[in-house]
PDB file of N, CA and C in Angstrom:
ATOM      1  N   MET A   1     136.705 141.343 135.948  1.00  0.00           N
ATOM      2  CA  MET A   1     135.271 141.344 135.867  1.00  0.00           C
ATOM      3  C   MET A   1     134.681 142.524 136.608  1.00  0.00           C
ATOM      4  N   LYS A   2     133.797 143.243 135.981  1.00  0.00           N
ATOM      5  CA  LYS A   2     133.175 144.413 136.555  1.00  0.00           C
ATOM      6  C   LYS A   2     132.123 144.023 137.581  1.00  0.00           C
ATOM      7  N   LYS A   3     132.145 144.712 138.730  1.00  0.00           N
ATOM      8  CA  LYS A   3     131.231 144.430 139.819  1.00  0.00           C
ATOM      9  C   LYS A   3     129.811 145.002 139.463  1.00  0.00           C
ATOM     10  N   LYS A   4     128.799 144.211 139.752  1.00  0.00           N
ATOM     11  CA  LYS A   4     127.409 144.623 139.475  1.00  0.00           C
ATOM     12  C   LYS A   4     127.066 145.844 140.330  1.00  0.00           C
ATOM     13  N   ILE A   5     126.314 146.762 139.716  1.00  0.00           N
ATOM     14  CA  ILE A   5     125.832 147.933 140.438  1.00  0.00           C
ATOM     15  C   ILE A   5     124.306 147.802 140.585  1.00  0.00           C
ATOM     16  N   TYR A   6     123.854 147.709 141.850  1.00  0.00           N
ATOM     17  CA  TYR A   6     122.437 147.601 142.150  1.00  0.00           C
ATOM     18  C   TYR A   6     121.822 148.993 142.087  1.00  0.00           C
ATOM     19  N   ARG A   7     120.556 149.068 141.706  1.00  0.00           N
ATOM     20  CA  ARG A   7     119.839 150.313 141.657  1.00  0.00           C
ATOM     21  C   ARG A   7     118.555 150.230 142.484  1.00  0.00           C
ATOM     22  N   PRO A   8     118.721 150.235 143.804  1.00  0.00           N
ATOM     23  CA  PRO A   8     117.538 150.080 144.669  1.00  0.00           C
ATOM     24  C   PRO A   8     116.668 151.321 144.692  1.00  0.00           C
ATOM     25  N   ARG A   9     115.435 151.118 145.065  1.00  0.00           N
ATOM     26  CA  ARG A   9     114.522 152.253 145.275  1.00  0.00           C
ATOM     27  C   ARG A   9     114.807 152.781 146.659  1.00  0.00           C
ATOM     28  N   LEU A  10     115.319 154.016 146.731  1.00  0.00           N
ATOM     29  CA  LEU A  10     115.686 154.632 147.991  1.00  0.00           C
ATOM     30  C   LEU A  10     114.778 155.811 148.316  1.00  0.00           C
ATOM     31  N   ILE A  11     114.666 156.143 149.549  1.00  0.00           N
ATOM     32  CA  ILE A  11     113.868 157.273 150.004  1.00  0.00           C
ATOM     33  C   ILE A  11     114.507 158.594 149.564  1.00  0.00           C
ATOM     34  N   ASN A  12     113.671 159.530 149.164  1.00  0.00           N
ATOM     35  CA  ASN A  12     114.130 160.880 148.770  1.00  0.00           C
ATOM     36  C   ASN A  12     114.234 161.710 150.061  1.00  0.00           C
ATOM     37  N   ALA A  13     115.448 161.817 150.565  1.00  0.00           N
ATOM     38  CA  ALA A  13     115.673 162.539 151.823  1.00  0.00           C
ATOM     39  C   ALA A  13     115.381 164.050 151.688  1.00  0.00           C
ATOM     40  N   LYS A  14     115.630 164.590 150.511  1.00  0.00           N
ATOM     41  CA  LYS A  14     115.350 166.011 150.289  1.00  0.00           C
ATOM     42  C   LYS A  14     113.848 166.269 150.426  1.00  0.00           C
ATOM     43  N   MET A  15     113.038 165.408 149.843  1.00  0.00           N
ATOM     44  CA  MET A  15     111.576 165.558 149.922  1.00  0.00           C
ATOM     45  C   MET A  15     111.117 165.374 151.381  1.00  0.00           C
ATOM     46  N   MET A  16     111.721 164.455 152.090  1.00  0.00           N
ATOM     47  CA  MET A  16     111.366 164.245 153.506  1.00  0.00           C
ATOM     48  C   MET A  16     111.597 165.502 154.321  1.00  0.00           C
ATOM     49  N   SER A  17     112.662 166.240 154.027  1.00  0.00           N
ATOM     50  CA  SER A  17     112.948 167.452 154.779  1.00  0.00           C
ATOM     51  C   SER A  17     111.942 168.572 154.458  1.00  0.00           C
ATOM     52  N   ILE A  18     111.386 168.529 153.238  1.00  0.00           N
ATOM     53  CA  ILE A  18     110.358 169.509 152.872  1.00  0.00           C
ATOM     54  C   ILE A  18     109.038 169.189 153.556  1.00  0.00           C
ATOM     55  N   LYS A  19     108.708 167.897 153.608  1.00  0.00           N
ATOM     56  CA  LYS A  19     107.441 167.450 154.225  1.00  0.00           C
ATOM     57  C   LYS A  19     107.490 167.551 155.751  1.00  0.00           C
ATOM     58  N   HIS A  20     108.683 167.382 156.338  1.00  0.00           N
ATOM     59  CA  HIS A  20     108.822 167.346 157.807  1.00  0.00           C
ATOM     60  C   HIS A  20     109.965 168.270 158.250  1.00  0.00           C
ATOM     61  N   PRO A  21     109.840 169.571 158.019  1.00  0.00           N
ATOM     62  CA  PRO A  21     110.941 170.502 158.310  1.00  0.00           C
ATOM     63  C   PRO A  21     111.330 170.606 159.791  1.00  0.00           C
ATOM     64  N   ASP A  22     110.388 170.314 160.708  1.00  0.00           N
ATOM     65  CA  ASP A  22     110.660 170.407 162.131  1.00  0.00           C
ATOM     66  C   ASP A  22     111.416 169.209 162.667  1.00  0.00           C
ATOM     67  N   SER A  23     111.421 168.102 161.935  1.00  0.00           N
ATOM     68  CA  SER A  23     112.017 166.892 162.462  1.00  0.00           C
ATOM     69  C   SER A  23     113.038 166.258 161.493  1.00  0.00           C
ATOM     70  N   PHE A  24     113.295 166.912 160.395  1.00  0.00           N
ATOM     71  CA  PHE A  24     114.153 166.300 159.405  1.00  0.00           C
ATOM     72  C   PHE A  24     115.014 167.352 158.713  1.00  0.00           C
ATOM     73  N   ASP A  25     116.337 167.153 158.685  1.00  0.00           N
ATOM     74  CA  ASP A  25     117.239 168.096 158.051  1.00  0.00           C
ATOM     75  C   ASP A  25     117.783 167.510 156.753  1.00  0.00           C
ATOM     76  N   TYR A  26     118.072 168.387 155.824  1.00  0.00           N
ATOM     77  CA  TYR A  26     118.745 168.031 154.574  1.00  0.00           C
ATOM     78  C   TYR A  26     119.865 169.017 154.367  1.00  0.00           C
ATOM     79  N   TRP A  27     121.069 168.532 154.266  1.00  0.00           N
ATOM     80  CA  TRP A  27     122.254 169.380 154.212  1.00  0.00           C
ATOM     81  C   TRP A  27     122.640 169.680 152.769  1.00  0.00           C
ATOM     82  N   GLU A  28     121.931 170.580 152.133  1.00  0.00           N
ATOM     83  CA  GLU A  28     122.097 170.916 150.721  1.00  0.00           C
ATOM     84  C   GLU A  28     123.534 171.272 150.368  1.00  0.00           C
ATOM     85  N   GLU A  29     124.145 172.182 151.136  1.00  0.00           N
ATOM     86  CA  GLU A  29     125.492 172.644 150.819  1.00  0.00           C
ATOM     87  C   GLU A  29     126.524 171.538 150.950  1.00  0.00           C
ATOM     88  N   GLU A  30     126.430 170.742 152.035  1.00  0.00           N
ATOM     89  CA  GLU A  30     127.384 169.652 152.221  1.00  0.00           C
ATOM     90  C   GLU A  30     127.221 168.579 151.130  1.00  0.00           C
ATOM     91  N   ILE A  31     126.009 168.300 150.748  1.00  0.00           N
ATOM     92  CA  ILE A  31     125.763 167.309 149.733  1.00  0.00           C
ATOM     93  C   ILE A  31     126.235 167.819 148.345  1.00  0.00           C
ATOM     94  N   ALA A  32     126.112 169.120 148.117  1.00  0.00           N
ATOM     95  CA  ALA A  32     126.605 169.717 146.870  1.00  0.00           C
ATOM     96  C   ALA A  32     128.121 169.581 146.758  1.00  0.00           C
ATOM     97  N   ASN A  33     128.804 169.516 147.900  1.00  0.00           N
ATOM     98  CA  ASN A  33     130.263 169.452 147.930  1.00  0.00           C
ATOM     99  C   ASN A  33     130.781 168.009 148.133  1.00  0.00           C
ATOM    100  N   LEU A  34     129.917 167.039 147.907  1.00  0.00           N
ATOM    101  CA  LEU A  34     130.255 165.637 148.091  1.00  0.00           C
ATOM    102  C   LEU A  34     131.447 165.251 147.252  1.00  0.00           C
ATOM    103  N   LYS A  35     132.312 164.359 147.768  1.00  0.00           N
ATOM    104  CA  LYS A  35     133.465 163.900 146.998  1.00  0.00           C
ATOM    105  C   LYS A  35     133.659 162.402 147.180  1.00  0.00           C
ATOM    106  N   VAL A  36     134.395 161.816 146.265  1.00  0.00           N
ATOM    107  CA  VAL A  36     134.704 160.382 146.322  1.00  0.00           C
ATOM    108  C   VAL A  36     135.428 160.116 147.642  1.00  0.00           C
ATOM    109  N   GLY A  37     135.020 159.043 148.321  1.00  0.00           N
ATOM    110  CA  GLY A  37     135.586 158.688 149.624  1.00  0.00           C
ATOM    111  C   GLY A  37     134.704 159.105 150.781  1.00  0.00           C
ATOM    112  N   ASP A  38     133.769 160.038 150.564  1.00  0.00           N
ATOM    113  CA  ASP A  38     132.855 160.436 151.639  1.00  0.00           C
ATOM    114  C   ASP A  38     131.970 159.247 152.035  1.00  0.00           C
ATOM    115  N   ILE A  39     131.544 159.264 153.266  1.00  0.00           N
ATOM    116  CA  ILE A  39     130.683 158.230 153.812  1.00  0.00           C
ATOM    117  C   ILE A  39     129.316 158.850 154.007  1.00  0.00           C
ATOM    118  N   VAL A  40     128.286 158.284 153.337  1.00  0.00           N
ATOM    119  CA  VAL A  40     126.952 158.874 153.376  1.00  0.00           C
ATOM    120  C   VAL A  40     125.912 157.811 153.753  1.00  0.00           C
ATOM    121  N   LYS A  41     124.846 158.302 154.396  1.00  0.00           N
ATOM    122  CA  LYS A  41     123.756 157.424 154.810  1.00  0.00           C
ATOM    123  C   LYS A  41     122.583 157.585 153.859  1.00  0.00           C
ATOM    124  N   VAL A  42     121.992 156.448 153.451  1.00  0.00           N
ATOM    125  CA  VAL A  42     120.812 156.388 152.602  1.00  0.00           C
ATOM    126  C   VAL A  42     119.789 155.445 153.260  1.00  0.00           C
ATOM    127  N   SER A  43     118.577 155.409 152.716  1.00  0.00           N
ATOM    128  CA  SER A  43     117.547 154.522 153.284  1.00  0.00           C
ATOM    129  C   SER A  43     116.768 153.837 152.167  1.00  0.00           C
ATOM    130  N   ASN A  44     116.529 152.536 152.366  1.00  0.00           N
ATOM    131  CA  ASN A  44     115.678 151.794 151.415  1.00  0.00           C
ATOM    132  C   ASN A  44     114.261 151.597 151.936  1.00  0.00           C
ATOM    133  N   SER A  45     113.879 152.398 152.927  1.00  0.00           N
ATOM    134  CA  SER A  45     112.607 152.422 153.643  1.00  0.00           C
ATOM    135  C   SER A  45     112.529 151.410 154.763  1.00  0.00           C
ATOM    136  N   TRP A  46     113.265 150.319 154.684  1.00  0.00           N
ATOM    137  CA  TRP A  46     113.308 149.369 155.814  1.00  0.00           C
ATOM    138  C   TRP A  46     114.338 149.820 156.841  1.00  0.00           C
ATOM    139  N   GLU A  47     115.444 150.377 156.348  1.00  0.00           N
ATOM    140  CA  GLU A  47     116.530 150.806 157.233  1.00  0.00           C
ATOM    141  C   GLU A  47     117.430 151.818 156.553  1.00  0.00           C
ATOM    142  N   ARG A  48     118.095 152.594 157.383  1.00  0.00           N
ATOM    143  CA  ARG A  48     119.120 153.498 156.925  1.00  0.00           C
ATOM    144  C   ARG A  48     120.463 152.814 157.060  1.00  0.00           C
ATOM    145  N   PHE A  49     121.349 153.041 156.089  1.00  0.00           N
ATOM    146  CA  PHE A  49     122.652 152.393 156.134  1.00  0.00           C
ATOM    147  C   PHE A  49     123.712 153.285 155.507  1.00  0.00           C
ATOM    148  N   TRP A  50     124.954 153.016 155.870  1.00  0.00           N
ATOM    149  CA  TRP A  50     126.091 153.802 155.417  1.00  0.00           C
ATOM    150  C   TRP A  50     126.682 153.208 154.125  1.00  0.00           C
ATOM    151  N   THR A  51     127.190 154.122 153.305  1.00  0.00           N
ATOM    152  CA  THR A  51     127.850 153.745 152.036  1.00  0.00           C
ATOM    153  C   THR A  51     129.105 154.636 151.853  1.00  0.00           C
ATOM    154  N   ILE A  52     130.067 154.134 151.117  1.00  0.00           N
ATOM    155  CA  ILE A  52     131.260 154.896 150.787  1.00  0.00           C
ATOM    156  C   ILE A  52     131.211 155.304 149.334  1.00  0.00           C
ATOM    157  N   VAL A  53     131.240 156.563 149.044  1.00  0.00           N
ATOM    158  CA  VAL A  53     131.125 157.064 147.674  1.00  0.00           C
ATOM    159  C   VAL A  53     132.325 156.639 146.871  1.00  0.00           C
ATOM    160  N   LYS A  54     132.060 155.970 145.732  1.00  0.00           N
ATOM    161  CA  LYS A  54     133.126 155.483 144.845  1.00  0.00           C
ATOM    162  C   LYS A  54     133.227 156.293 143.563  1.00  0.00           C
ATOM    163  N   SER A  55     132.088 156.856 143.091  1.00  0.00           N
ATOM    164  CA  SER A  55     132.159 157.715 141.898  1.00  0.00           C
ATOM    165  C   SER A  55     130.977 158.657 141.932  1.00  0.00           C
ATOM    166  N   ILE A  56     131.188 159.816 141.297  1.00  0.00           N
ATOM    167  CA  ILE A  56     130.142 160.853 141.195  1.00  0.00           C
ATOM    168  C   ILE A  56     130.161 161.361 139.744  1.00  0.00           C
ATOM    169  N   ASN A  57     128.959 161.352 139.169  1.00  0.00           N
ATOM    170  CA  ASN A  57     128.787 161.854 137.799  1.00  0.00           C
ATOM    171  C   ASN A  57     127.577 162.771 137.820  1.00  0.00           C
ATOM    172  N   GLY A  58     127.810 164.072 138.060  1.00  0.00           N
ATOM    173  CA  GLY A  58     126.694 164.997 138.213  1.00  0.00           C
ATOM    174  C   GLY A  58     125.895 164.653 139.475  1.00  0.00           C
ATOM    175  N   ASP A  59     124.631 164.330 139.271  1.00  0.00           N
ATOM    176  CA  ASP A  59     123.736 163.962 140.373  1.00  0.00           C
ATOM    177  C   ASP A  59     123.775 162.482 140.689  1.00  0.00           C
ATOM    178  N   LYS A  60     124.432 161.688 139.842  1.00  0.00           N
ATOM    179  CA  LYS A  60     124.455 160.240 139.998  1.00  0.00           C
ATOM    180  C   LYS A  60     125.685 159.790 140.788  1.00  0.00           C
ATOM    181  N   ILE A  61     125.408 158.939 141.770  1.00  0.00           N
ATOM    182  CA  ILE A  61     126.449 158.499 142.691  1.00  0.00           C
ATOM    183  C   ILE A  61     126.466 156.977 142.716  1.00  0.00           C
ATOM    184  N   VAL A  62     127.656 156.401 142.721  1.00  0.00           N
ATOM    185  CA  VAL A  62     127.820 154.979 142.984  1.00  0.00           C
ATOM    186  C   VAL A  62     128.598 154.850 144.272  1.00  0.00           C
ATOM    187  N   ALA A  63     128.098 153.998 145.169  1.00  0.00           N
ATOM    188  CA  ALA A  63     128.744 153.854 146.493  1.00  0.00           C
ATOM    189  C   ALA A  63     128.694 152.392 146.913  1.00  0.00           C
ATOM    190  N   GLU A  64     129.603 152.045 147.787  1.00  0.00           N
ATOM    191  CA  GLU A  64     129.700 150.686 148.329  1.00  0.00           C
ATOM    192  C   GLU A  64     128.995 150.633 149.690  1.00  0.00           C
ATOM    193  N   VAL A  65     128.109 149.664 149.856  1.00  0.00           N
ATOM    194  CA  VAL A  65     127.412 149.468 151.120  1.00  0.00           C
ATOM    195  C   VAL A  65     128.444 149.158 152.156  1.00  0.00           C
ATOM    196  N   ASN A  66     128.428 149.907 153.299  1.00  0.00           N
ATOM    197  CA  ASN A  66     129.484 149.820 154.293  1.00  0.00           C
ATOM    198  C   ASN A  66     129.049 149.180 155.587  1.00  0.00           C
ATOM    199  N   ASN A  67     127.860 148.571 155.632  1.00  0.00           N
ATOM    200  CA  ASN A  67     127.498 147.776 156.793  1.00  0.00           C
ATOM    201  C   ASN A  67     126.497 146.714 156.380  1.00  0.00           C
ATOM    202  N   GLY A  68     126.429 145.648 157.173  1.00  0.00           N
ATOM    203  CA  GLY A  68     125.474 144.598 156.908  1.00  0.00           C
ATOM    204  C   GLY A  68     124.060 145.131 157.124  1.00  0.00           C
ATOM    205  N   LEU A  69     123.133 144.689 156.309  1.00  0.00           N
ATOM    206  CA  LEU A  69     121.778 145.193 156.388  1.00  0.00           C
ATOM    207  C   LEU A  69     120.922 144.288 157.269  1.00  0.00           C
ATOM    208  N   ILE A  70     120.338 144.861 158.271  1.00  0.00           N
ATOM    209  CA  ILE A  70     119.527 144.114 159.260  1.00  0.00           C
ATOM    210  C   ILE A  70     118.314 143.486 158.592  1.00  0.00           C
ATOM    211  N   GLY A  71     117.744 144.182 157.603  1.00  0.00           N
ATOM    212  CA  GLY A  71     116.578 143.645 156.901  1.00  0.00           C
ATOM    213  C   GLY A  71     116.816 142.292 156.318  1.00  0.00           C
ATOM    214  N   ASN A  72     118.053 142.012 155.894  1.00  0.00           N
ATOM    215  CA  ASN A  72     118.369 140.682 155.373  1.00  0.00           C
ATOM    216  C   ASN A  72     118.244 139.602 156.450  1.00  0.00           C
ATOM    217  N   LEU A  73     118.383 140.001 157.706  1.00  0.00           N
ATOM    218  CA  LEU A  73     118.307 139.044 158.816  1.00  0.00           C
ATOM    219  C   LEU A  73     116.863 138.973 159.398  1.00  0.00           C
ATOM    220  N   MET A  74     116.032 139.957 159.036  1.00  0.00           N
ATOM    221  CA  MET A  74     114.695 140.071 159.642  1.00  0.00           C
ATOM    222  C   MET A  74     113.558 139.809 158.677  1.00  0.00           C
ATOM    223  N   GLY A  75     113.832 139.107 157.586  1.00  0.00           N
ATOM    224  CA  GLY A  75     112.770 138.742 156.686  1.00  0.00           C
ATOM    225  C   GLY A  75     112.419 139.784 155.650  1.00  0.00           C
ATOM    226  N   LYS A  76     113.215 140.835 155.529  1.00  0.00           N
ATOM    227  CA  LYS A  76     112.966 141.867 154.529  1.00  0.00           C
ATOM    228  C   LYS A  76     114.238 141.961 153.651  1.00  0.00           C
ATOM    229  N   PRO A  77     114.591 140.869 153.013  1.00  0.00           N
ATOM    230  CA  PRO A  77     115.890 140.824 152.278  1.00  0.00           C
ATOM    231  C   PRO A  77     115.905 141.759 151.070  1.00  0.00           C
ATOM    232  N   SER A  78     117.100 142.291 150.848  1.00  0.00           N
ATOM    233  CA  SER A  78     117.326 143.062 149.645  1.00  0.00           C
ATOM    234  C   SER A  78     118.311 142.255 148.789  1.00  0.00           C
ATOM    235  N   SER A  79     118.455 142.626 147.546  1.00  0.00           N
ATOM    236  CA  SER A  79     119.347 141.912 146.659  1.00  0.00           C
ATOM    237  C   SER A  79     120.791 142.335 146.841  1.00  0.00           C
ATOM    238  N   TYR A  80     121.040 143.345 147.673  1.00  0.00           N
ATOM    239  CA  TYR A  80     122.366 143.856 147.930  1.00  0.00           C
ATOM    240  C   TYR A  80     122.658 143.858 149.402  1.00  0.00           C
ATOM    241  N   ASN A  81     123.924 143.919 149.772  1.00  0.00           N
ATOM    242  CA  ASN A  81     124.309 143.871 151.193  1.00  0.00           C
ATOM    243  C   ASN A  81     125.722 144.446 151.315  1.00  0.00           C
ATOM    244  N   PHE A  82     126.336 144.217 152.436  1.00  0.00           N
ATOM    245  CA  PHE A  82     127.683 144.748 152.714  1.00  0.00           C
ATOM    246  C   PHE A  82     128.642 144.454 151.562  1.00  0.00           C
ATOM    247  N   GLY A  83     129.359 145.513 151.122  1.00  0.00           N
ATOM    248  CA  GLY A  83     130.358 145.359 150.074  1.00  0.00           C
ATOM    249  C   GLY A  83     129.834 145.509 148.665  1.00  0.00           C
ATOM    250  N   ASP A  84     128.515 145.490 148.488  1.00  0.00           N
ATOM    251  CA  ASP A  84     127.923 145.657 147.127  1.00  0.00           C
ATOM    252  C   ASP A  84     127.898 147.132 146.738  1.00  0.00           C
ATOM    253  N   LEU A  85     127.887 147.348 145.423  1.00  0.00           N
ATOM    254  CA  LEU A  85     127.774 148.731 144.903  1.00  0.00           C
ATOM    255  C   LEU A  85     126.312 149.029 144.625  1.00  0.00           C
ATOM    256  N   ILE A  86     125.885 150.245 144.993  1.00  0.00           N
ATOM    257  CA  ILE A  86     124.540 150.726 144.673  1.00  0.00           C
ATOM    258  C   ILE A  86     124.640 152.096 144.019  1.00  0.00           C
ATOM    259  N   ALA A  87     123.655 152.422 143.200  1.00  0.00           N
ATOM    260  CA  ALA A  87     123.577 153.736 142.527  1.00  0.00           C
ATOM    261  C   ALA A  87     122.408 154.492 143.129  1.00  0.00           C
ATOM    262  N   PHE A  88     122.627 155.817 143.307  1.00  0.00           N
ATOM    263  CA  PHE A  88     121.548 156.671 143.806  1.00  0.00           C
ATOM    264  C   PHE A  88     121.845 158.092 143.421  1.00  0.00           C
ATOM    265  N   LYS A  89     120.958 159.016 143.822  1.00  0.00           N
ATOM    266  CA  LYS A  89     121.131 160.437 143.529  1.00  0.00           C
ATOM    267  C   LYS A  89     121.401 161.208 144.832  1.00  0.00           C
ATOM    268  N   ARG A  90     121.863 162.412 144.688  1.00  0.00           N
ATOM    269  CA  ARG A  90     122.167 163.244 145.863  1.00  0.00           C
ATOM    270  C   ARG A  90     120.931 163.401 146.741  1.00  0.00           C
ATOM    271  N   GLU A  91     119.759 163.480 146.152  1.00  0.00           N
ATOM    272  CA  GLU A  91     118.538 163.657 146.956  1.00  0.00           C
ATOM    273  C   GLU A  91     118.259 162.505 147.890  1.00  0.00           C
ATOM    274  N   ASN A  92     118.912 161.381 147.700  1.00  0.00           N
ATOM    275  CA  ASN A  92     118.702 160.189 148.562  1.00  0.00           C
ATOM    276  C   ASN A  92     119.577 160.205 149.800  1.00  0.00           C
ATOM    277  N   ILE A  93     120.489 161.167 149.909  1.00  0.00           N
ATOM    278  CA  ILE A  93     121.439 161.177 151.031  1.00  0.00           C
ATOM    279  C   ILE A  93     120.797 161.784 152.278  1.00  0.00           C
ATOM    280  N   TYR A  94     120.786 160.997 153.350  1.00  0.00           N
ATOM    281  CA  TYR A  94     120.243 161.426 154.641  1.00  0.00           C
ATOM    282  C   TYR A  94     121.299 162.183 155.452  1.00  0.00           C
ATOM    283  N   GLN A  95     122.534 161.716 155.383  1.00  0.00           N
ATOM    284  CA  GLN A  95     123.549 162.268 156.254  1.00  0.00           C
ATOM    285  C   GLN A  95     124.941 162.007 155.654  1.00  0.00           C
ATOM    286  N   ILE A  96     125.860 162.883 155.940  1.00  0.00           N
ATOM    287  CA  ILE A  96     127.254 162.696 155.562  1.00  0.00           C
ATOM    288  C   ILE A  96     128.043 162.507 156.850  1.00  0.00           C
ATOM    289  N   HIS A  97     128.785 161.457 156.930  1.00  0.00           N
ATOM    290  CA  HIS A  97     129.596 161.173 158.137  1.00  0.00           C
ATOM    291  C   HIS A  97     130.823 162.085 158.101  1.00  0.00           C
ATOM    292  N   GLU A  98     130.975 162.835 159.179  1.00  0.00           N
ATOM    293  CA  GLU A  98     132.125 163.713 159.287  1.00  0.00           C
ATOM    294  C   GLU A  98     133.170 163.036 160.127  1.00  0.00           C
ATOM    295  N   ILE A  99     134.329 162.878 159.541  1.00  0.00           N
ATOM    296  CA  ILE A  99     135.443 162.281 160.257  1.00  0.00           C
ATOM    297  C   ILE A  99     136.202 163.365 160.988  1.00  0.00           C
ATOM    298  N   GLU A 100     136.293 163.208 162.328  1.00  0.00           N
ATOM    299  CA  GLU A 100     136.984 164.201 163.130  1.00  0.00           C
ATOM    300  C   GLU A 100     138.456 163.996 162.999  1.00  0.00           C
ATOM    301  N   THR A 101     139.163 165.104 162.803  1.00  0.00           N
ATOM    302  CA  THR A 101     140.642 165.040 162.747  1.00  0.00           C
ATOM    303  C   THR A 101     141.213 165.678 163.997  1.00  0.00           C
ATOM    304  N   THR A 102     142.313 165.146 164.445  1.00  0.00           N
ATOM    305  CA  THR A 102     142.963 165.720 165.615  1.00  0.00           C
ATOM    306  C   THR A 102     144.204 166.478 165.153  1.00  0.00           C
ATOM    307  N   SER A 103     144.439 167.576 165.820  1.00  0.00           N
ATOM    308  CA  SER A 103     145.576 168.419 165.449  1.00  0.00           C
ATOM    309  C   SER A 103     146.809 168.078 166.255  1.00  0.00           C
TER     310      SER A 103
END
């Protein structure tokens, strides 16, 4: 059985960086080089949360929510939570988690 993919309304991080250049960064080059398995942060306006990229098709991304959402505990429930798949665009990415490697 195929897992449901949620399509939440997420904040446009790229637009936020244009509106607030002194307090908000958007990493265009890093986001352009996004790959399956990367961990990225998005926001549904109530909270920012981490996801693991599962597929990329041009600008369209499907990722698995990688942490429990606090909004679900604080009266602002969403229809998705930890372990669910969500779809979004590159412009919705706030941050890419960089995994440090040791030599």
